[in-house]
C-alpha atoms as a PDB file:
ATOM      1  CA  MET A   1      30.961  58.943 -45.030  1.00  0.00           C
ATOM      2  CA  SER A   2      27.620  60.629 -44.385  1.00  0.00           C
ATOM      3  CA  ALA A   3      25.232  59.288 -41.763  1.00  0.00           C
ATOM      4  CA  LEU A   4      22.916  56.538 -43.021  1.00  0.00           C
ATOM      5  CA  ALA A   5      19.289  57.472 -43.554  1.00  0.00           C
ATOM      6  CA  PHE A   6      16.381  55.193 -42.648  1.00  0.00           C
ATOM      7  CA  ASN A   7      15.955  53.994 -46.251  1.00  0.00           C
ATOM      8  CA  ASN A   8      19.617  53.007 -46.605  1.00  0.00           C
ATOM      9  CA  PRO A   9      20.009  49.305 -47.574  1.00  0.00           C
ATOM     10  CA  ARG A  10      22.184  48.620 -44.524  1.00  0.00           C
ATOM     11  CA  VAL A  11      19.533  50.086 -42.238  1.00  0.00           C
ATOM     12  CA  GLN A  12      16.823  48.069 -43.955  1.00  0.00           C
ATOM     13  CA  GLN A  13      18.913  44.932 -43.416  1.00  0.00           C
ATOM     14  CA  LEU A  14      19.025  45.753 -39.705  1.00  0.00           C
ATOM     15  CA  ARG A  15      15.232  46.005 -39.656  1.00  0.00           C
ATOM     16  CA  ARG A  16      14.868  42.630 -41.379  1.00  0.00           C
ATOM     17  CA  LEU A  17      17.303  40.872 -39.079  1.00  0.00           C
ATOM     18  CA  ILE A  18      15.684  42.299 -35.964  1.00  0.00           C
ATOM     19  CA  GLY A  19      12.128  41.574 -37.049  1.00  0.00           C
ATOM     20  CA  ARG A  20      12.176  38.347 -39.040  1.00  0.00           C
ATOM     21  CA  ARG A  21      13.405  34.900 -38.070  1.00  0.00           C
ATOM     22  CA  SER A  22      13.365  33.840 -41.726  1.00  0.00           C
ATOM     23  CA  SER A  23      15.669  36.713 -42.710  1.00  0.00           C
ATOM     24  CA  ARG A  24      18.127  35.907 -39.927  1.00  0.00           C
ATOM     25  CA  HIS A  25      18.498  32.302 -41.003  1.00  0.00           C
ATOM     26  CA  GLU A  26      18.416  32.959 -44.743  1.00  0.00           C
ATOM     27  CA  GLU A  27      21.220  35.509 -44.365  1.00  0.00           C
ATOM     28  CA  GLY A  28      23.066  33.676 -41.580  1.00  0.00           C
ATOM     29  CA  ARG A  29      23.240  36.863 -39.510  1.00  0.00           C
ATOM     30  CA  PHE A  30      21.602  38.359 -36.453  1.00  0.00           C
ATOM     31  CA  VAL A  31      21.665  41.601 -34.475  1.00  0.00           C
ATOM     32  CA  VAL A  32      23.404  42.272 -31.163  1.00  0.00           C
ATOM     33  CA  GLU A  33      22.541  45.471 -29.317  1.00  0.00           C
ATOM     34  CA  GLY A  34      24.517  47.411 -26.710  1.00  0.00           C
ATOM     35  CA  PRO A  35      28.231  47.811 -25.906  1.00  0.00           C
ATOM     36  CA  VAL A  36      28.502  44.973 -23.379  1.00  0.00           C
ATOM     37  CA  LEU A  37      26.976  42.307 -25.620  1.00  0.00           C
ATOM     38  CA  VAL A  38      28.788  43.468 -28.752  1.00  0.00           C
ATOM     39  CA  ALA A  39      32.112  43.424 -26.898  1.00  0.00           C
ATOM     40  CA  ASP A  40      31.319  39.949 -25.543  1.00  0.00           C
ATOM     41  CA  ALA A  41      30.524  38.653 -29.037  1.00  0.00           C
ATOM     42  CA  VAL A  42      33.784  40.024 -30.446  1.00  0.00           C
ATOM     43  CA  ALA A  43      35.816  38.684 -27.509  1.00  0.00           C
ATOM     44  CA  ALA A  44      34.242  35.235 -27.958  1.00  0.00           C
ATOM     45  CA  GLY A  45      35.347  35.149 -31.573  1.00  0.00           C
ATOM     46  CA  TRP A  46      32.051  35.799 -33.329  1.00  0.00           C
ATOM     47  CA  VAL A  47      32.469  37.847 -36.508  1.00  0.00           C
ATOM     48  CA  CYS A  48      30.904  41.287 -36.260  1.00  0.00           C
ATOM     49  CA  GLU A  49      30.323  42.436 -39.818  1.00  0.00           C
ATOM     50  CA  ALA A  50      29.256  46.011 -39.042  1.00  0.00           C
ATOM     51  CA  GLN A  51      28.514  48.309 -36.126  1.00  0.00           C
ATOM     52  CA  PHE A  52      26.050  51.186 -36.144  1.00  0.00           C
ATOM     53  CA  VAL A  53      26.125  54.186 -33.804  1.00  0.00           C
ATOM     54  CA  ALA A  54      24.119  57.377 -33.471  1.00  0.00           C
ATOM     55  CA  GLU A  55      25.322  60.315 -35.530  1.00  0.00           C
ATOM     56  CA  GLY A  56      28.255  62.050 -33.866  1.00  0.00           C
ATOM     57  CA  ALA A  57      28.538  59.402 -31.155  1.00  0.00           C
ATOM     58  CA  ASP A  58      31.677  57.524 -30.215  1.00  0.00           C
ATOM     59  CA  GLY A  59      30.152  54.263 -29.033  1.00  0.00           C
ATOM     60  CA  ALA A  60      31.685  51.605 -31.254  1.00  0.00           C
ATOM     61  CA  VAL A  61      33.316  48.569 -29.684  1.00  0.00           C
ATOM     62  CA  GLN A  62      37.003  48.103 -30.491  1.00  0.00           C
ATOM     63  CA  PRO A  63      36.833  49.779 -33.919  1.00  0.00           C
ATOM     64  CA  GLY A  64      39.564  48.556 -36.222  1.00  0.00           C
ATOM     65  CA  VAL A  65      40.115  45.345 -34.252  1.00  0.00           C
ATOM     66  CA  ASP A  66      39.910  42.151 -36.294  1.00  0.00           C
ATOM     67  CA  GLY A  67      36.361  40.809 -36.064  1.00  0.00           C
ATOM     68  CA  ALA A  68      34.848  44.072 -34.834  1.00  0.00           C
ATOM     69  CA  GLY A  69      33.740  45.219 -38.296  1.00  0.00           C
ATOM     70  CA  PRO A  70      33.458  48.706 -39.812  1.00  0.00           C
ATOM     71  CA  VAL A  71      31.488  51.433 -38.020  1.00  0.00           C
ATOM     72  CA  PHE A  72      28.616  53.350 -39.611  1.00  0.00           C
ATOM     73  CA  GLU A  73      26.821  56.418 -38.279  1.00  0.00           C
ATOM     74  CA  LEU A  74      23.028  56.530 -38.342  1.00  0.00           C
ATOM     75  CA  ALA A  75      21.182  59.752 -39.068  1.00  0.00           C
ATOM     76  CA  GLY A  76      19.206  61.380 -36.287  1.00  0.00           C
ATOM     77  CA  GLY A  77      16.306  59.263 -35.036  1.00  0.00           C
ATOM     78  CA  VAL A  78      17.229  56.182 -37.094  1.00  0.00           C
ATOM     79  CA  LEU A  79      18.669  54.225 -34.167  1.00  0.00           C
ATOM     80  CA  GLU A  80      15.408  54.583 -32.243  1.00  0.00           C
ATOM     81  CA  ARG A  81      13.380  53.452 -35.262  1.00  0.00           C
ATOM     82  CA  VAL A  82      15.316  50.252 -35.949  1.00  0.00           C
ATOM     83  CA  ALA A  83      16.335  49.025 -32.484  1.00  0.00           C
ATOM     84  CA  SER A  84      14.269  46.415 -30.647  1.00  0.00           C
ATOM     85  CA  THR A  85      14.155  48.385 -27.365  1.00  0.00           C
ATOM     86  CA  GLU A  86      12.501  51.671 -26.466  1.00  0.00           C
ATOM     87  CA  ALA A  87      15.724  53.207 -25.143  1.00  0.00           C
ATOM     88  CA  PRO A  88      18.402  51.637 -27.360  1.00  0.00           C
ATOM     89  CA  GLN A  89      22.105  51.676 -26.595  1.00  0.00           C
ATOM     90  CA  HIS A  90      24.610  51.838 -29.395  1.00  0.00           C
ATOM     91  CA  PRO A  91      26.334  50.172 -31.006  1.00  0.00           C
ATOM     92  CA  ILE A  92      23.947  47.871 -32.825  1.00  0.00           C
ATOM     93  CA  ALA A  93      25.937  45.198 -34.615  1.00  0.00           C
ATOM     94  CA  VAL A  94      25.305  42.682 -37.377  1.00  0.00           C
ATOM     95  CA  VAL A  95      26.962  39.426 -36.335  1.00  0.00           C
ATOM     96  CA  ARG A  96      27.528  36.331 -38.433  1.00  0.00           C
ATOM     97  CA  MET A  97      25.999  33.103 -37.126  1.00  0.00           C
ATOM     98  CA  ARG A  98      28.434  30.392 -36.111  1.00  0.00           C
ATOM     99  CA  ALA A  99      28.230  26.733 -37.114  1.00  0.00           C
ATOM    100  CA  TRP A 100      29.196  24.760 -34.005  1.00  0.00           C
ATOM    101  CA  GLY A 101      29.732  21.554 -35.969  1.00  0.00           C
ATOM    102  CA  ASP A 102      28.042  18.305 -36.911  1.00  0.00           C
ATOM    103  CA  VAL A 103      25.061  17.742 -34.588  1.00  0.00           C
ATOM    104  CA  PRO A 104      25.456  13.958 -34.088  1.00  0.00           C
ATOM    105  CA  THR A 105      29.153  14.442 -33.291  1.00  0.00           C
ATOM    106  CA  LEU A 106      28.456  17.264 -30.842  1.00  0.00           C
ATOM    107  CA  LEU A 107      25.858  15.154 -29.049  1.00  0.00           C
ATOM    108  CA  THR A 108      28.083  12.086 -28.942  1.00  0.00           C
ATOM    109  CA  GLN A 109      30.908  14.112 -27.392  1.00  0.00           C
ATOM    110  CA  ALA A 110      28.669  15.848 -24.834  1.00  0.00           C
ATOM    111  CA  SER A 111      28.085  14.646 -21.286  1.00  0.00           C
ATOM    112  CA  PHE A 112      25.788  17.352 -19.869  1.00  0.00           C
ATOM    113  CA  VAL A 113      22.995  18.547 -22.150  1.00  0.00           C
ATOM    114  CA  VAL A 114      19.871  20.646 -21.629  1.00  0.00           C
ATOM    115  CA  VAL A 115      16.964  19.942 -23.982  1.00  0.00           C
ATOM    116  CA  LEU A 116      14.147  22.461 -24.344  1.00  0.00           C
ATOM    117  CA  ASP A 117      11.067  21.112 -26.071  1.00  0.00           C
ATOM    118  CA  ARG A 118       9.184  23.727 -28.098  1.00  0.00           C
ATOM    119  CA  ILE A 119      10.079  26.505 -25.667  1.00  0.00           C
ATOM    120  CA  ALA A 120       8.205  29.612 -26.785  1.00  0.00           C
ATOM    121  CA  ASP A 121       9.184  32.594 -24.663  1.00  0.00           C
ATOM    122  CA  PRO A 122      12.419  34.379 -25.645  1.00  0.00           C
ATOM    123  CA  GLY A 123      13.015  35.597 -22.092  1.00  0.00           C
ATOM    124  CA  ASN A 124      12.792  32.037 -20.780  1.00  0.00           C
ATOM    125  CA  LEU A 125      15.250  30.761 -23.367  1.00  0.00           C
ATOM    126  CA  GLY A 126      17.719  33.555 -22.638  1.00  0.00           C
ATOM    127  CA  THR A 127      17.566  32.834 -18.902  1.00  0.00           C
ATOM    128  CA  VAL A 128      18.060  29.111 -19.493  1.00  0.00           C
ATOM    129  CA  LEU A 129      21.146  29.840 -21.594  1.00  0.00           C
ATOM    130  CA  ARG A 130      22.612  31.915 -18.741  1.00  0.00           C
ATOM    131  CA  SER A 131      21.952  29.136 -16.253  1.00  0.00           C
ATOM    132  CA  ALA A 132      23.230  26.410 -18.587  1.00  0.00           C
ATOM    133  CA  GLU A 133      26.508  28.220 -19.142  1.00  0.00           C
ATOM    134  CA  ALA A 134      26.937  28.967 -15.435  1.00  0.00           C
ATOM    135  CA  ALA A 135      26.273  25.326 -14.498  1.00  0.00           C
ATOM    136  CA  GLY A 136      28.733  23.986 -17.063  1.00  0.00           C
ATOM    137  CA  ALA A 137      26.356  22.437 -19.598  1.00  0.00           C
ATOM    138  CA  ASP A 138      28.000  21.361 -22.849  1.00  0.00           C
ATOM    139  CA  ILE A 139      25.089  22.041 -25.205  1.00  0.00           C
ATOM    140  CA  VAL A 140      21.558  23.389 -25.217  1.00  0.00           C
ATOM    141  CA  VAL A 141      19.260  21.555 -27.635  1.00  0.00           C
ATOM    142  CA  LEU A 142      16.080  23.135 -28.974  1.00  0.00           C
ATOM    143  CA  THR A 143      13.518  20.793 -30.486  1.00  0.00           C
ATOM    144  CA  PRO A 144      11.810  21.935 -33.710  1.00  0.00           C
ATOM    145  CA  GLY A 145       9.135  24.527 -33.032  1.00  0.00           C
ATOM    146  CA  SER A 146      11.126  26.374 -30.367  1.00  0.00           C
ATOM    147  CA  VAL A 147      11.749  30.109 -30.313  1.00  0.00           C
ATOM    148  CA  ASP A 148      14.658  31.366 -32.414  1.00  0.00           C
ATOM    149  CA  PRO A 149      17.824  31.582 -30.257  1.00  0.00           C
ATOM    150  CA  PHE A 150      18.898  34.602 -32.340  1.00  0.00           C
ATOM    151  CA  ASN A 151      15.742  36.555 -31.554  1.00  0.00           C
ATOM    152  CA  PRO A 152      16.912  39.944 -30.161  1.00  0.00           C
ATOM    153  CA  LYS A 153      15.073  39.311 -26.880  1.00  0.00           C
ATOM    154  CA  VAL A 154      16.849  35.974 -26.445  1.00  0.00           C
ATOM    155  CA  VAL A 155      20.211  37.567 -27.204  1.00  0.00           C
ATOM    156  CA  ARG A 156      19.645  40.216 -24.543  1.00  0.00           C
ATOM    157  CA  ALA A 157      18.241  37.830 -21.934  1.00  0.00           C
ATOM    158  CA  SER A 158      21.136  35.418 -22.396  1.00  0.00           C
ATOM    159  CA  ALA A 159      23.561  38.142 -21.221  1.00  0.00           C
ATOM    160  CA  GLY A 160      26.240  36.811 -23.554  1.00  0.00           C
ATOM    161  CA  ALA A 161      25.757  33.114 -22.773  1.00  0.00           C
ATOM    162  CA  LEU A 162      24.600  32.595 -26.363  1.00  0.00           C
ATOM    163  CA  PHE A 163      28.175  33.308 -27.474  1.00  0.00           C
ATOM    164  CA  HIS A 164      29.657  30.619 -25.247  1.00  0.00           C
ATOM    165  CA  VAL A 165      27.247  27.647 -25.123  1.00  0.00           C
ATOM    166  CA  PRO A 166      26.477  25.803 -28.377  1.00  0.00           C
ATOM    167  CA  VAL A 167      22.750  26.017 -29.125  1.00  0.00           C
ATOM    168  CA  ILE A 168      21.549  23.506 -31.701  1.00  0.00           C
ATOM    169  CA  GLU A 169      18.186  22.432 -33.077  1.00  0.00           C
ATOM    170  CA  SER A 170      17.531  18.712 -32.983  1.00  0.00           C
ATOM    171  CA  PRO A 171      14.708  16.275 -32.242  1.00  0.00           C
ATOM    172  CA  LEU A 172      14.939  14.374 -28.969  1.00  0.00           C
ATOM    173  CA  GLU A 173      15.477  11.140 -30.892  1.00  0.00           C
ATOM    174  CA  ALA A 174      18.954  12.337 -31.895  1.00  0.00           C
ATOM    175  CA  VAL A 175      19.806  12.993 -28.240  1.00  0.00           C
ATOM    176  CA  VAL A 176      18.725   9.456 -27.336  1.00  0.00           C
ATOM    177  CA  ALA A 177      20.681   8.027 -30.279  1.00  0.00           C
ATOM    178  CA  ALA A 178      23.831   9.735 -28.950  1.00  0.00           C
ATOM    179  CA  GLY A 179      23.621   7.593 -25.811  1.00  0.00           C
ATOM    180  CA  LEU A 180      22.625  10.335 -23.389  1.00  0.00           C
ATOM    181  CA  VAL A 181      20.341   9.341 -20.506  1.00  0.00           C
ATOM    182  CA  THR A 182      17.216  11.491 -20.762  1.00  0.00           C
ATOM    183  CA  VAL A 183      15.832  12.969 -17.534  1.00  0.00           C
ATOM    184  CA  GLY A 184      12.308  14.295 -17.933  1.00  0.00           C
ATOM    185  CA  THR A 185      10.695  16.817 -15.631  1.00  0.00           C
ATOM    186  CA  THR A 186       7.129  16.731 -14.360  1.00  0.00           C
ATOM    187  CA  SER A 187       5.095  18.419 -11.661  1.00  0.00           C
ATOM    188  CA  HIS A 188       2.890  15.335 -11.152  1.00  0.00           C
ATOM    189  CA  ASP A 189       3.343  11.864  -9.705  1.00  0.00           C
ATOM    190  CA  ALA A 190       2.295   8.995 -11.945  1.00  0.00           C
ATOM    191  CA  ALA A 191       1.418   5.355 -11.395  1.00  0.00           C
ATOM    192  CA  ASP A 192       3.069   4.192 -14.619  1.00  0.00           C
ATOM    193  CA  ARG A 193       6.529   5.607 -13.946  1.00  0.00           C
ATOM    194  CA  ALA A 194       8.848   6.356 -11.036  1.00  0.00           C
ATOM    195  CA  VAL A 195       9.153  10.066 -10.280  1.00  0.00           C
ATOM    196  CA  THR A 196      11.847  11.094  -7.804  1.00  0.00           C
ATOM    197  CA  PRO A 197      12.703  14.464  -6.238  1.00  0.00           C
ATOM    198  CA  TYR A 198      15.471  16.236  -8.119  1.00  0.00           C
ATOM    199  CA  THR A 199      17.887  15.923  -5.198  1.00  0.00           C
ATOM    200  CA  SER A 200      17.429  12.134  -5.279  1.00  0.00           C
ATOM    201  CA  THR A 201      17.637  11.765  -9.055  1.00  0.00           C
ATOM    202  CA  ASP A 202      20.984  10.690 -10.489  1.00  0.00           C
ATOM    203  CA  LEU A 203      22.165  13.624 -12.595  1.00  0.00           C
ATOM    204  CA  THR A 204      25.731  12.379 -13.066  1.00  0.00           C
ATOM    205  CA  GLY A 205      27.147  10.592 -16.103  1.00  0.00           C
ATOM    206  CA  ARG A 206      26.049  11.441 -19.623  1.00  0.00           C
ATOM    207  CA  ILE A 207      22.666  13.066 -19.139  1.00  0.00           C
ATOM    208  CA  ALA A 208      20.174  15.245 -20.991  1.00  0.00           C
ATOM    209  CA  ILE A 209      17.769  17.209 -18.788  1.00  0.00           C
ATOM    210  CA  VAL A 210      14.560  17.577 -20.809  1.00  0.00           C
ATOM    211  CA  MET A 211      12.271  20.534 -20.115  1.00  0.00           C
ATOM    212  CA  GLY A 212       8.788  20.962 -21.568  1.00  0.00           C
ATOM    213  CA  ASN A 213       6.887  23.760 -23.220  1.00  0.00           C
ATOM    214  CA  GLU A 214       5.639  26.544 -20.928  1.00  0.00           C
ATOM    215  CA  ALA A 215       1.956  25.809 -21.508  1.00  0.00           C
ATOM    216  CA  THR A 216       1.763  22.073 -22.167  1.00  0.00           C
ATOM    217  CA  GLY A 217       4.860  20.511 -20.620  1.00  0.00           C
ATOM    218  CA  LEU A 218       6.347  17.431 -22.257  1.00  0.00           C
ATOM    219  CA  PRO A 219       4.270  15.617 -24.891  1.00  0.00           C
ATOM    220  CA  VAL A 220       1.774  13.073 -23.571  1.00  0.00           C
ATOM    221  CA  ASP A 221       3.343  10.250 -25.587  1.00  0.00           C
ATOM    222  CA  TRP A 222       6.655  10.925 -23.788  1.00  0.00           C
ATOM    223  CA  THR A 223       5.063  10.502 -20.381  1.00  0.00           C
ATOM    224  CA  ASP A 224       3.354   7.127 -20.768  1.00  0.00           C
ATOM    225  CA  GLY A 225       6.271   5.052 -19.545  1.00  0.00           C
ATOM    226  CA  PHE A 226       7.223   3.904 -23.065  1.00  0.00           C
ATOM    227  CA  GLY A 227       8.516   7.157 -24.540  1.00  0.00           C
ATOM    228  CA  PRO A 228      12.082   8.456 -24.934  1.00  0.00           C
ATOM    229  CA  ILE A 229      12.453   9.573 -21.281  1.00  0.00           C
ATOM    230  CA  GLU A 230      14.454   7.180 -19.088  1.00  0.00           C
ATOM    231  CA  ARG A 231      14.227   8.928 -15.715  1.00  0.00           C
ATOM    232  CA  TRP A 232      11.608  11.249 -14.275  1.00  0.00           C
ATOM    233  CA  THR A 233      12.245  13.946 -11.718  1.00  0.00           C
ATOM    234  CA  THR A 234      10.266  16.657  -9.970  1.00  0.00           C
ATOM    235  CA  ILE A 235      10.930  19.721  -7.828  1.00  0.00           C
ATOM    236  CA  PRO A 236       8.879  19.458  -4.625  1.00  0.00           C
ATOM    237  CA  HIS A 237       7.566  22.784  -3.406  1.00  0.00           C
ATOM    238  CA  ALA A 238       5.016  24.278  -1.052  1.00  0.00           C
ATOM    239  CA  GLY A 239       2.470  26.931  -1.805  1.00  0.00           C
ATOM    240  CA  ARG A 240      -0.346  27.387  -4.293  1.00  0.00           C
ATOM    241  CA  SER A 241       1.678  27.201  -7.508  1.00  0.00           C
ATOM    242  CA  GLU A 242       1.387  23.927  -9.395  1.00  0.00           C
ATOM    243  CA  SER A 243       4.815  24.272 -10.971  1.00  0.00           C
ATOM    244  CA  LEU A 244       7.737  26.644 -11.418  1.00  0.00           C
ATOM    245  CA  ASN A 245       8.373  28.785 -14.450  1.00  0.00           C
ATOM    246  CA  VAL A 246      10.392  26.704 -16.958  1.00  0.00           C
ATOM    247  CA  ALA A 247      13.440  28.968 -16.679  1.00  0.00           C
ATOM    248  CA  MET A 248      13.367  28.795 -12.879  1.00  0.00           C
ATOM    249  CA  ALA A 249      12.911  25.026 -12.887  1.00  0.00           C
ATOM    250  CA  THR A 250      15.745  24.537 -15.366  1.00  0.00           C
ATOM    251  CA  THR A 251      18.030  26.698 -13.233  1.00  0.00           C
ATOM    252  CA  VAL A 252      17.296  24.596 -10.149  1.00  0.00           C
ATOM    253  CA  LEU A 253      17.954  21.345 -12.013  1.00  0.00           C
ATOM    254  CA  VAL A 254      21.151  22.335 -13.822  1.00  0.00           C
ATOM    255  CA  PHE A 255      22.741  23.591 -10.622  1.00  0.00           C
ATOM    256  CA  GLU A 256      21.770  20.395  -8.824  1.00  0.00           C
ATOM    257  CA  ALA A 257      23.359  18.493 -11.693  1.00  0.00           C
ATOM    258  CA  ALA A 258      26.484  20.647 -11.375  1.00  0.00           C
ATOM    259  CA  ARG A 259      26.592  19.952  -7.626  1.00  0.00           C
ATOM    260  CA  GLN A 260      26.262  16.196  -8.062  1.00  0.00           C
ATOM    261  CA  ARG A 261      28.804  16.086 -10.867  1.00  0.00           C
ATOM    262  CA  ALA A 262      31.334  18.130  -8.903  1.00  0.00           C
ATOM    263  CA  ALA A 263      30.881  15.838  -5.889  1.00  0.00           C
ATOM    264  CA  THR A 264      31.360  12.754  -8.052  1.00  0.00           C
ATOM    265  CA  HIS A 265      34.485  14.226  -9.629  1.00  0.00           C
ATOM    266  CA  SER A 266      35.881  15.152  -6.197  1.00  0.00           C
ATOM    267  CA  SER A 267      35.168  11.685  -4.855  1.00  0.00           C
ATOM    268  CA  SER A 268      36.798  10.070  -7.870  1.00  0.00           C
ATOM    269  CA  SER A 269      39.864  12.294  -7.606  1.00  0.00           C
ATOM    270  CA  THR A 270      40.238  11.516  -3.890  1.00  0.00           C
ATOM    271  CA  SER A 271      39.881   7.797  -4.557  1.00  0.00           C
ATOM    272  CA  ASN A 272      42.523   7.878  -7.298  1.00  0.00           C
ATOM    273  CA  ALA A 273      44.904   9.855  -5.102  1.00  0.00           C
ATOM    274  CA  SER A 274      44.570   7.446  -2.202  1.00  0.00           C
ATOM    275  CA  GLY A 275      44.943   4.453  -4.485  1.00  0.00           C
END
């Protein structure tokens, strides 16, 4: 088969999937770039429908393996024109989106959830996914209006975590309805609600750590003491900064939650053994 030119329909599909959120979700496909991420997607069981490499290159991931998809060569200069980075690595792959299951059921079965409210920056979301996976979170929930988790920048920044942690879109009300205790984050004390340092906040049990938008934080009507947040926590810090970057703050909180949960599990196991 000859190398695919820029106007080839497969190449134009790549451009659509890289550039348009609407195209990704209408077609149920997204683009993964680079050998490490493509290999991770295939190993995690995501279906890779096609891989694209530079003409004459031998950079495909596990060609011929079930789920790795066929390999197509791109004509000279095409890879650089369609990829989302200035110095692209092949292969570029078209991967089919995965349905993790019924949202209410997933939430009901979960015990450790991270909720991101209208998060906007793809780099922040990717970093949060890495931290959530590393800390053992069951699900990451994006409220409507958040950045697309299949945005190429999110896929790269997640370093493969996207393939291992279910990411679902849902309003916070569904999280509350599933019986999860919501833990809201704030950088300010308030007279109408108790705000405790994160190391003193109970992050065990069935919890949902709720993080706000980069610019505005959590909605005002969630912070008036009568909204859907049950517990409030903060990260005390010194220095001039009013608050941490949302990805940094989420990382701190999820690892504190992991620490508390591991300690509780260890204590419970010791108690059962001695009993």
